[in-house]
PDB file of N, CA and C in Angstrom:
ATOM      1  N   MET A   1     113.919  72.140  91.096  1.00  0.00           N
ATOM      2  CA  MET A   1     113.218  71.672  92.266  1.00  0.00           C
ATOM      3  C   MET A   1     113.724  72.360  93.544  1.00  0.00           C
ATOM      4  N   TRP A   2     114.978  72.753  93.568  1.00  0.00           N
ATOM      5  CA  TRP A   2     115.531  73.411  94.750  1.00  0.00           C
ATOM      6  C   TRP A   2     114.786  74.704  95.035  1.00  0.00           C
ATOM      7  N   TYR A   3     114.327  75.390  93.989  1.00  0.00           N
ATOM      8  CA  TYR A   3     113.598  76.644  94.181  1.00  0.00           C
ATOM      9  C   TYR A   3     112.290  76.369  94.923  1.00  0.00           C
ATOM     10  N   ASP A   4     111.619  75.295  94.553  1.00  0.00           N
ATOM     11  CA  ASP A   4     110.373  74.932  95.232  1.00  0.00           C
ATOM     12  C   ASP A   4     110.621  74.591  96.698  1.00  0.00           C
ATOM     13  N   VAL A   5     111.717  73.906  96.957  1.00  0.00           N
ATOM     14  CA  VAL A   5     112.064  73.574  98.343  1.00  0.00           C
ATOM     15  C   VAL A   5     112.337  74.857  99.133  1.00  0.00           C
ATOM     16  N   ALA A   6     113.051  75.796  98.512  1.00  0.00           N
ATOM     17  CA  ALA A   6     113.341  77.067  99.186  1.00  0.00           C
ATOM     18  C   ALA A   6     112.054  77.832  99.481  1.00  0.00           C
ATOM     19  N   LEU A   7     111.103  77.822  98.541  1.00  0.00           N
ATOM     20  CA  LEU A   7     109.822  78.489  98.778  1.00  0.00           C
ATOM     21  C   LEU A   7     109.059  77.814  99.921  1.00  0.00           C
ATOM     22  N   ALA A   8     109.123  76.490  99.971  1.00  0.00           N
ATOM     23  CA  ALA A   8     108.458  75.772 101.062  1.00  0.00           C
ATOM     24  C   ALA A   8     109.093  76.139 102.408  1.00  0.00           C
ATOM     25  N   LEU A   9     110.412  76.274 102.436  1.00  0.00           N
ATOM     26  CA  LEU A   9     111.090  76.687 103.674  1.00  0.00           C
ATOM     27  C   LEU A   9     110.663  78.087 104.094  1.00  0.00           C
ATOM     28  N   LEU A  10     110.457  78.945 103.126  1.00  0.00           N
ATOM     29  CA  LEU A  10     109.999  80.294 103.439  1.00  0.00           C
ATOM     30  C   LEU A  10     108.570  80.264 103.977  1.00  0.00           C
ATOM     31  N   GLU A  11     107.753  79.359 103.460  1.00  0.00           N
ATOM     32  CA  GLU A  11     106.403  79.192 104.018  1.00  0.00           C
ATOM     33  C   GLU A  11     106.477  78.739 105.475  1.00  0.00           C
ATOM     34  N   ILE A  12     107.451  77.894 105.781  1.00  0.00           N
ATOM     35  CA  ILE A  12     107.667  77.461 107.166  1.00  0.00           C
ATOM     36  C   ILE A  12     108.093  78.657 108.016  1.00  0.00           C
ATOM     37  N   ALA A  13     108.911  79.525 107.449  1.00  0.00           N
ATOM     38  CA  ALA A  13     109.343  80.727 108.169  1.00  0.00           C
ATOM     39  C   ALA A  13     108.141  81.590 108.548  1.00  0.00           C
ATOM     40  N   VAL A  14     107.179  81.709 107.648  1.00  0.00           N
ATOM     41  CA  VAL A  14     105.957  82.467 107.956  1.00  0.00           C
ATOM     42  C   VAL A  14     105.289  81.866 109.187  1.00  0.00           C
ATOM     43  N   LEU A  15     105.129  80.552 109.195  1.00  0.00           N
ATOM     44  CA  LEU A  15     104.465  79.882 110.319  1.00  0.00           C
ATOM     45  C   LEU A  15     105.249  80.060 111.614  1.00  0.00           C
ATOM     46  N   LEU A  16     106.567  79.931 111.530  1.00  0.00           N
ATOM     47  CA  LEU A  16     107.397  80.102 112.724  1.00  0.00           C
ATOM     48  C   LEU A  16     107.279  81.517 113.284  1.00  0.00           C
ATOM     49  N   LEU A  17     107.265  82.495 112.404  1.00  0.00           N
ATOM     50  CA  LEU A  17     107.139  83.877 112.861  1.00  0.00           C
ATOM     51  C   LEU A  17     105.772  84.129 113.481  1.00  0.00           C
ATOM     52  N   GLU A  18     104.742  83.489 112.954  1.00  0.00           N
ATOM     53  CA  GLU A  18     103.400  83.658 113.517  1.00  0.00           C
ATOM     54  C   GLU A  18     103.297  83.129 114.942  1.00  0.00           C
ATOM     55  N   VAL A  19     104.134  82.159 115.284  1.00  0.00           N
ATOM     56  CA  VAL A  19     104.086  81.604 116.645  1.00  0.00           C
ATOM     57  C   VAL A  19     105.243  82.099 117.514  1.00  0.00           C
ATOM     58  N   GLY A  20     105.963  83.128 117.018  1.00  0.00           N
ATOM     59  CA  GLY A  20     106.986  83.756 117.843  1.00  0.00           C
ATOM     60  C   GLY A  20     108.316  83.039 117.921  1.00  0.00           C
ATOM     61  N   ARG A  21     108.644  82.242 116.935  1.00  0.00           N
ATOM     62  CA  ARG A  21     109.911  81.498 116.962  1.00  0.00           C
ATOM     63  C   ARG A  21     110.949  82.165 116.053  1.00  0.00           C
ATOM     64  N   ALA A  22     111.244  83.419 116.368  1.00  0.00           N
ATOM     65  CA  ALA A  22     112.165  84.220 115.548  1.00  0.00           C
ATOM     66  C   ALA A  22     113.569  83.633 115.504  1.00  0.00           C
ATOM     67  N   ALA A  23     114.027  83.004 116.568  1.00  0.00           N
ATOM     68  CA  ALA A  23     115.374  82.420 116.586  1.00  0.00           C
ATOM     69  C   ALA A  23     115.495  81.317 115.544  1.00  0.00           C
ATOM     70  N   ASP A  24     114.450  80.531 115.371  1.00  0.00           N
ATOM     71  CA  ASP A  24     114.464  79.474 114.352  1.00  0.00           C
ATOM     72  C   ASP A  24     114.484  80.074 112.949  1.00  0.00           C
ATOM     73  N   VAL A  25     113.830  81.189 112.781  1.00  0.00           N
ATOM     74  CA  VAL A  25     113.777  81.847 111.475  1.00  0.00           C
ATOM     75  C   VAL A  25     115.140  82.418 111.110  1.00  0.00           C
ATOM     76  N   LYS A  26     115.879  82.872 112.088  1.00  0.00           N
ATOM     77  CA  LYS A  26     117.220  83.407 111.836  1.00  0.00           C
ATOM     78  C   LYS A  26     118.085  82.342 111.155  1.00  0.00           C
ATOM     79  N   ALA A  27     118.089  81.134 111.680  1.00  0.00           N
ATOM     80  CA  ALA A  27     118.875  80.040 111.096  1.00  0.00           C
ATOM     81  C   ALA A  27     118.331  79.651 109.723  1.00  0.00           C
ATOM     82  N   LEU A  28     117.029  79.620 109.592  1.00  0.00           N
ATOM     83  CA  LEU A  28     116.393  79.259 108.332  1.00  0.00           C
ATOM     84  C   LEU A  28     116.727  80.280 107.244  1.00  0.00           C
ATOM     85  N   ALA A  29     116.719  81.556 107.586  1.00  0.00           N
ATOM     86  CA  ALA A  29     117.028  82.615 106.620  1.00  0.00           C
ATOM     87  C   ALA A  29     118.461  82.494 106.110  1.00  0.00           C
ATOM     88  N   LEU A  30     119.363  82.124 106.967  1.00  0.00           N
ATOM     89  CA  LEU A  30     120.752  81.926 106.558  1.00  0.00           C
ATOM     90  C   LEU A  30     120.846  80.761 105.582  1.00  0.00           C
ATOM     91  N   ASP A  31     120.165  79.673 105.879  1.00  0.00           N
ATOM     92  CA  ASP A  31     120.155  78.519 104.985  1.00  0.00           C
ATOM     93  C   ASP A  31     119.560  78.880 103.626  1.00  0.00           C
ATOM     94  N   LEU A  32     118.469  79.633 103.631  1.00  0.00           N
ATOM     95  CA  LEU A  32     117.834  80.041 102.379  1.00  0.00           C
ATOM     96  C   LEU A  32     118.784  80.868 101.522  1.00  0.00           C
ATOM     97  N   ALA A  33     119.471  81.806 102.131  1.00  0.00           N
ATOM     98  CA  ALA A  33     120.400  82.658 101.391  1.00  0.00           C
ATOM     99  C   ALA A  33     121.500  81.821 100.753  1.00  0.00           C
ATOM    100  N   GLN A  34     122.003  80.839 101.463  1.00  0.00           N
ATOM    101  CA  GLN A  34     123.060  79.984 100.925  1.00  0.00           C
ATOM    102  C   GLN A  34     122.549  79.144  99.756  1.00  0.00           C
ATOM    103  N   VAL A  35     121.339  78.626  99.862  1.00  0.00           N
ATOM    104  CA  VAL A  35     120.752  77.829  98.781  1.00  0.00           C
ATOM    105  C   VAL A  35     120.571  78.686  97.533  1.00  0.00           C
ATOM    106  N   PHE A  36     120.038  79.884  97.701  1.00  0.00           N
ATOM    107  CA  PHE A  36     119.803  80.753  96.552  1.00  0.00           C
ATOM    108  C   PHE A  36     121.122  81.187  95.912  1.00  0.00           C
ATOM    109  N   GLN A  37     122.122  81.514  96.721  1.00  0.00           N
ATOM    110  CA  GLN A  37     123.413  81.916  96.179  1.00  0.00           C
ATOM    111  C   GLN A  37     124.072  80.768  95.432  1.00  0.00           C
ATOM    112  N   ALA A  38     124.042  79.586  95.998  1.00  0.00           N
ATOM    113  CA  ALA A  38     124.692  78.424  95.397  1.00  0.00           C
ATOM    114  C   ALA A  38     124.071  78.045  94.053  1.00  0.00           C
ATOM    115  N   ASN A  39     122.810  78.420  93.861  1.00  0.00           N
ATOM    116  CA  ASN A  39     122.118  78.030  92.641  1.00  0.00           C
ATOM    117  C   ASN A  39     121.961  79.171  91.641  1.00  0.00           C
ATOM    118  N   GLY A  40     122.672  80.252  91.862  1.00  0.00           N
ATOM    119  CA  GLY A  40     122.729  81.322  90.892  1.00  0.00           C
ATOM    120  C   GLY A  40     121.447  82.111  90.683  1.00  0.00           C
ATOM    121  N   VAL A  41     120.706  82.355  91.748  1.00  0.00           N
ATOM    122  CA  VAL A  41     119.488  83.156  91.639  1.00  0.00           C
ATOM    123  C   VAL A  41     119.874  84.588  91.284  1.00  0.00           C
ATOM    124  N   HIS A  42     119.031  85.242  90.520  1.00  0.00           N
ATOM    125  CA  HIS A  42     119.347  86.583  90.048  1.00  0.00           C
ATOM    126  C   HIS A  42     119.511  87.577  91.197  1.00  0.00           C
ATOM    127  N   ARG A  43     120.186  88.657  90.878  1.00  0.00           N
ATOM    128  CA  ARG A  43     120.625  89.657  91.856  1.00  0.00           C
ATOM    129  C   ARG A  43     119.486  90.256  92.675  1.00  0.00           C
ATOM    130  N   GLU A  44     118.373  90.584  92.043  1.00  0.00           N
ATOM    131  CA  GLU A  44     117.248  91.203  92.755  1.00  0.00           C
ATOM    132  C   GLU A  44     116.675  90.258  93.818  1.00  0.00           C
ATOM    133  N   ALA A  45     116.551  88.991  93.470  1.00  0.00           N
ATOM    134  CA  ALA A  45     116.027  88.017  94.435  1.00  0.00           C
ATOM    135  C   ALA A  45     116.991  87.843  95.605  1.00  0.00           C
ATOM    136  N   LEU A  46     118.283  87.808  95.311  1.00  0.00           N
ATOM    137  CA  LEU A  46     119.273  87.699  96.388  1.00  0.00           C
ATOM    138  C   LEU A  46     119.225  88.920  97.302  1.00  0.00           C
ATOM    139  N   ALA A  47     119.047  90.085  96.726  1.00  0.00           N
ATOM    140  CA  ALA A  47     118.978  91.309  97.536  1.00  0.00           C
ATOM    141  C   ALA A  47     117.757  91.270  98.457  1.00  0.00           C
ATOM    142  N   ALA A  48     116.624  90.818  97.937  1.00  0.00           N
ATOM    143  CA  ALA A  48     115.411  90.716  98.754  1.00  0.00           C
ATOM    144  C   ALA A  48     115.616  89.709  99.880  1.00  0.00           C
ATOM    145  N   LEU A  49     116.244  88.611  99.564  1.00  0.00           N
ATOM    146  CA  LEU A  49     116.491  87.588 100.575  1.00  0.00           C
ATOM    147  C   LEU A  49     117.465  88.091 101.638  1.00  0.00           C
ATOM    148  N   ARG A  50     118.434  88.887 101.224  1.00  0.00           N
ATOM    149  CA  ARG A  50     119.375  89.465 102.204  1.00  0.00           C
ATOM    150  C   ARG A  50     118.660  90.408 103.165  1.00  0.00           C
ATOM    151  N   LEU A  51     117.712  91.186 102.654  1.00  0.00           N
ATOM    152  CA  LEU A  51     116.927  92.060 103.542  1.00  0.00           C
ATOM    153  C   LEU A  51     116.194  91.241 104.594  1.00  0.00           C
ATOM    154  N   PHE A  52     115.599  90.141 104.159  1.00  0.00           N
ATOM    155  CA  PHE A  52     114.890  89.263 105.094  1.00  0.00           C
ATOM    156  C   PHE A  52     115.877  88.647 106.092  1.00  0.00           C
ATOM    157  N   GLN A  53     117.018  88.211 105.577  1.00  0.00           N
ATOM    158  CA  GLN A  53     118.025  87.601 106.446  1.00  0.00           C
ATOM    159  C   GLN A  53     118.510  88.591 107.495  1.00  0.00           C
ATOM    160  N   GLU A  54     118.736  89.832 107.095  1.00  0.00           N
ATOM    161  CA  GLU A  54     119.178  90.859 108.051  1.00  0.00           C
ATOM    162  C   GLU A  54     118.107  91.129 109.107  1.00  0.00           C
ATOM    163  N   ALA A  55     116.853  91.214 108.682  1.00  0.00           N
ATOM    164  CA  ALA A  55     115.756  91.427 109.637  1.00  0.00           C
ATOM    165  C   ALA A  55     115.660  90.246 110.593  1.00  0.00           C
ATOM    166  N   ALA A  56     115.806  89.039 110.064  1.00  0.00           N
ATOM    167  CA  ALA A  56     115.750  87.848 110.917  1.00  0.00           C
ATOM    168  C   ALA A  56     116.914  87.841 111.899  1.00  0.00           C
ATOM    169  N   GLY A  57     118.074  88.276 111.449  1.00  0.00           N
ATOM    170  CA  GLY A  57     119.252  88.339 112.315  1.00  0.00           C
ATOM    171  C   GLY A  57     119.067  89.295 113.476  1.00  0.00           C
ATOM    172  N   ARG A  58     118.297  90.356 113.244  1.00  0.00           N
ATOM    173  CA  ARG A  58     118.000  91.326 114.310  1.00  0.00           C
ATOM    174  C   ARG A  58     116.731  90.948 115.075  1.00  0.00           C
ATOM    175  N   LYS A  59     116.151  89.814 114.707  1.00  0.00           N
ATOM    176  CA  LYS A  59     114.879  89.339 115.280  1.00  0.00           C
ATOM    177  C   LYS A  59     113.764  90.355 115.051  1.00  0.00           C
ATOM    178  N   GLU A  60     113.821  91.021 113.890  1.00  0.00           N
ATOM    179  CA  GLU A  60     112.807  91.994 113.516  1.00  0.00           C
ATOM    180  C   GLU A  60     111.959  91.523 112.333  1.00  0.00           C
ATOM    181  N   ALA A  61     112.230  90.324 111.842  1.00  0.00           N
ATOM    182  CA  ALA A  61     111.441  89.781 110.736  1.00  0.00           C
ATOM    183  C   ALA A  61     110.023  89.514 111.231  1.00  0.00           C
ATOM    184  N   THR A  62     109.073  89.761 110.364  1.00  0.00           N
ATOM    185  CA  THR A  62     107.669  89.515 110.705  1.00  0.00           C
ATOM    186  C   THR A  62     107.085  88.513 109.719  1.00  0.00           C
ATOM    187  N   ALA A  63     105.969  87.935 110.105  1.00  0.00           N
ATOM    188  CA  ALA A  63     105.276  87.015 109.204  1.00  0.00           C
ATOM    189  C   ALA A  63     104.861  87.748 107.937  1.00  0.00           C
ATOM    190  N   GLU A  64     104.458  89.009 108.073  1.00  0.00           N
ATOM    191  CA  GLU A  64     104.056  89.793 106.899  1.00  0.00           C
ATOM    192  C   GLU A  64     105.229  89.989 105.944  1.00  0.00           C
ATOM    193  N   LEU A  65     106.410  90.291 106.469  1.00  0.00           N
ATOM    194  CA  LEU A  65     107.592  90.438 105.627  1.00  0.00           C
ATOM    195  C   LEU A  65     107.894  89.123 104.910  1.00  0.00           C
ATOM    196  N   ALA A  66     107.813  88.024 105.628  1.00  0.00           N
ATOM    197  CA  ALA A  66     108.068  86.715 105.020  1.00  0.00           C
ATOM    198  C   ALA A  66     107.037  86.415 103.929  1.00  0.00           C
ATOM    199  N   ARG A  67     105.775  86.780 104.161  1.00  0.00           N
ATOM    200  CA  ARG A  67     104.739  86.590 103.131  1.00  0.00           C
ATOM    201  C   ARG A  67     105.028  87.428 101.892  1.00  0.00           C
ATOM    202  N   ARG A  68     105.438  88.677 102.114  1.00  0.00           N
ATOM    203  CA  ARG A  68     105.773  89.549 100.978  1.00  0.00           C
ATOM    204  C   ARG A  68     106.947  88.990 100.189  1.00  0.00           C
ATOM    205  N   LEU A  69     107.958  88.485 100.895  1.00  0.00           N
ATOM    206  CA  LEU A  69     109.105  87.891 100.225  1.00  0.00           C
ATOM    207  C   LEU A  69     108.686  86.649  99.450  1.00  0.00           C
ATOM    208  N   LEU A  70     107.860  85.844 100.042  1.00  0.00           N
ATOM    209  CA  LEU A  70     107.374  84.638  99.377  1.00  0.00           C
ATOM    210  C   LEU A  70     106.622  84.986  98.089  1.00  0.00           C
ATOM    211  N   ALA A  71     105.725  85.959  98.176  1.00  0.00           N
ATOM    212  CA  ALA A  71     104.973  86.390  96.985  1.00  0.00           C
ATOM    213  C   ALA A  71     105.920  86.932  95.921  1.00  0.00           C
ATOM    214  N   TYR A  72     106.892  87.712  96.366  1.00  0.00           N
ATOM    215  CA  TYR A  72     107.874  88.254  95.430  1.00  0.00           C
ATOM    216  C   TYR A  72     108.643  87.127  94.738  1.00  0.00           C
ATOM    217  N   LEU A  73     109.124  86.163  95.501  1.00  0.00           N
ATOM    218  CA  LEU A  73     109.932  85.089  94.920  1.00  0.00           C
ATOM    219  C   LEU A  73     109.124  84.223  93.958  1.00  0.00           C
ATOM    220  N   PHE A  74     107.826  84.046  94.238  1.00  0.00           N
ATOM    221  CA  PHE A  74     106.976  83.332  93.290  1.00  0.00           C
ATOM    222  C   PHE A  74     107.007  84.040  91.931  1.00  0.00           C
ATOM    223  N   ARG A  75     106.855  85.354  91.954  1.00  0.00           N
ATOM    224  CA  ARG A  75     106.809  86.121  90.704  1.00  0.00           C
ATOM    225  C   ARG A  75     108.197  86.320  90.098  1.00  0.00           C
ATOM    226  N   ALA A  76     109.192  86.553  90.928  1.00  0.00           N
ATOM    227  CA  ALA A  76     110.537  86.836  90.437  1.00  0.00           C
ATOM    228  C   ALA A  76     111.178  85.617  89.786  1.00  0.00           C
ATOM    229  N   ARG A  77     110.668  84.468  90.081  1.00  0.00           N
ATOM    230  CA  ARG A  77     111.188  83.246  89.474  1.00  0.00           C
ATOM    231  C   ARG A  77     111.158  83.351  87.946  1.00  0.00           C
ATOM    232  N   HIS A  78     110.156  84.026  87.427  1.00  0.00           N
ATOM    233  CA  HIS A  78     109.985  84.135  85.975  1.00  0.00           C
ATOM    234  C   HIS A  78     110.178  85.555  85.466  1.00  0.00           C
ATOM    235  N   ASP A  79     110.579  86.469  86.334  1.00  0.00           N
ATOM    236  CA  ASP A  79     110.771  87.870  85.944  1.00  0.00           C
ATOM    237  C   ASP A  79     111.976  88.428  86.694  1.00  0.00           C
ATOM    238  N   GLU A  80     113.158  88.228  86.118  1.00  0.00           N
ATOM    239  CA  GLU A  80     114.393  88.627  86.789  1.00  0.00           C
ATOM    240  C   GLU A  80     114.505  90.131  86.993  1.00  0.00           C
ATOM    241  N   GLY A  81     113.723  90.912  86.283  1.00  0.00           N
ATOM    242  CA  GLY A  81     113.774  92.354  86.443  1.00  0.00           C
ATOM    243  C   GLY A  81     112.891  92.872  87.564  1.00  0.00           C
ATOM    244  N   LEU A  82     112.049  92.020  88.115  1.00  0.00           N
ATOM    245  CA  LEU A  82     111.132  92.426  89.174  1.00  0.00           C
ATOM    246  C   LEU A  82     111.911  92.736  90.443  1.00  0.00           C
ATOM    247  N   ARG A  83     111.630  93.890  91.019  1.00  0.00           N
ATOM    248  CA  ARG A  83     112.291  94.287  92.259  1.00  0.00           C
ATOM    249  C   ARG A  83     111.366  94.008  93.432  1.00  0.00           C
ATOM    250  N   PHE A  84     111.957  93.740  94.585  1.00  0.00           N
ATOM    251  CA  PHE A  84     111.187  93.405  95.781  1.00  0.00           C
ATOM    252  C   PHE A  84     110.254  94.529  96.199  1.00  0.00           C
ATOM    253  N   GLY A  85     110.655  95.755  96.018  1.00  0.00           N
ATOM    254  CA  GLY A  85     109.824  96.894  96.391  1.00  0.00           C
ATOM    255  C   GLY A  85     108.636  97.106  95.470  1.00  0.00           C
ATOM    256  N   ASP A  86     108.653  96.470  94.292  1.00  0.00           N
ATOM    257  CA  ASP A  86     107.527  96.597  93.372  1.00  0.00           C
ATOM    258  C   ASP A  86     106.292  95.973  94.008  1.00  0.00           C
ATOM    259  N   SER A  87     105.147  96.444  93.631  1.00  0.00           N
ATOM    260  CA  SER A  87     103.904  95.942  94.194  1.00  0.00           C
ATOM    261  C   SER A  87     103.706  94.490  93.817  1.00  0.00           C
ATOM    262  N   VAL A  88     103.620  93.627  94.817  1.00  0.00           N
ATOM    263  CA  VAL A  88     103.347  92.214  94.570  1.00  0.00           C
ATOM    264  C   VAL A  88     102.244  91.768  95.507  1.00  0.00           C
ATOM    265  N   THR A  89     101.474  90.848  95.035  1.00  0.00           N
ATOM    266  CA  THR A  89     100.458  90.222  95.878  1.00  0.00           C
ATOM    267  C   THR A  89     100.759  88.746  95.932  1.00  0.00           C
ATOM    268  N   SER A  90     100.353  88.128  96.984  1.00  0.00           N
ATOM    269  CA  SER A  90     100.611  86.715  97.162  1.00  0.00           C
ATOM    270  C   SER A  90      99.765  85.893  96.203  1.00  0.00           C
ATOM    271  N   PRO A  91     100.375  84.850  95.614  1.00  0.00           N
ATOM    272  CA  PRO A  91      99.587  83.954  94.779  1.00  0.00           C
ATOM    273  C   PRO A  91      98.563  83.184  95.611  1.00  0.00           C
ATOM    274  N   LEU A  92      98.678  83.276  96.918  1.00  0.00           N
ATOM    275  CA  LEU A  92      97.748  82.576  97.796  1.00  0.00           C
ATOM    276  C   LEU A  92      96.600  83.478  98.212  1.00  0.00           C
ATOM    277  N   ASP A  93      96.664  84.769  97.886  1.00  0.00           N
ATOM    278  CA  ASP A  93      95.571  85.695  98.228  1.00  0.00           C
ATOM    279  C   ASP A  93      94.326  85.352  97.420  1.00  0.00           C
ATOM    280  N   PRO A  94      93.156  85.515  98.027  1.00  0.00           N
ATOM    281  CA  PRO A  94      91.918  85.228  97.272  1.00  0.00           C
ATOM    282  C   PRO A  94      91.682  86.251  96.192  1.00  0.00           C
TER     283      PRO A  94
END
């Protein structure tokens, strides 16, 4: 269930970035990284989350990046070999 909560937090990050609240996303990204690390998420997912966290720390994270990460994490949940750079589409796309 923690994974679902983390995905929901990332969805919130998308919304925050869309309204220009990058400072809030910086704190949220740090929390997400800690949750994923504490629960033993596979290496590729942690690396993708670190990229997002670093971008958020520099206030360079975008809603599009957060959406891509969200789509990746949906798929990577069941495919530990999937890399963030691999082509992914959002499960929410029509």
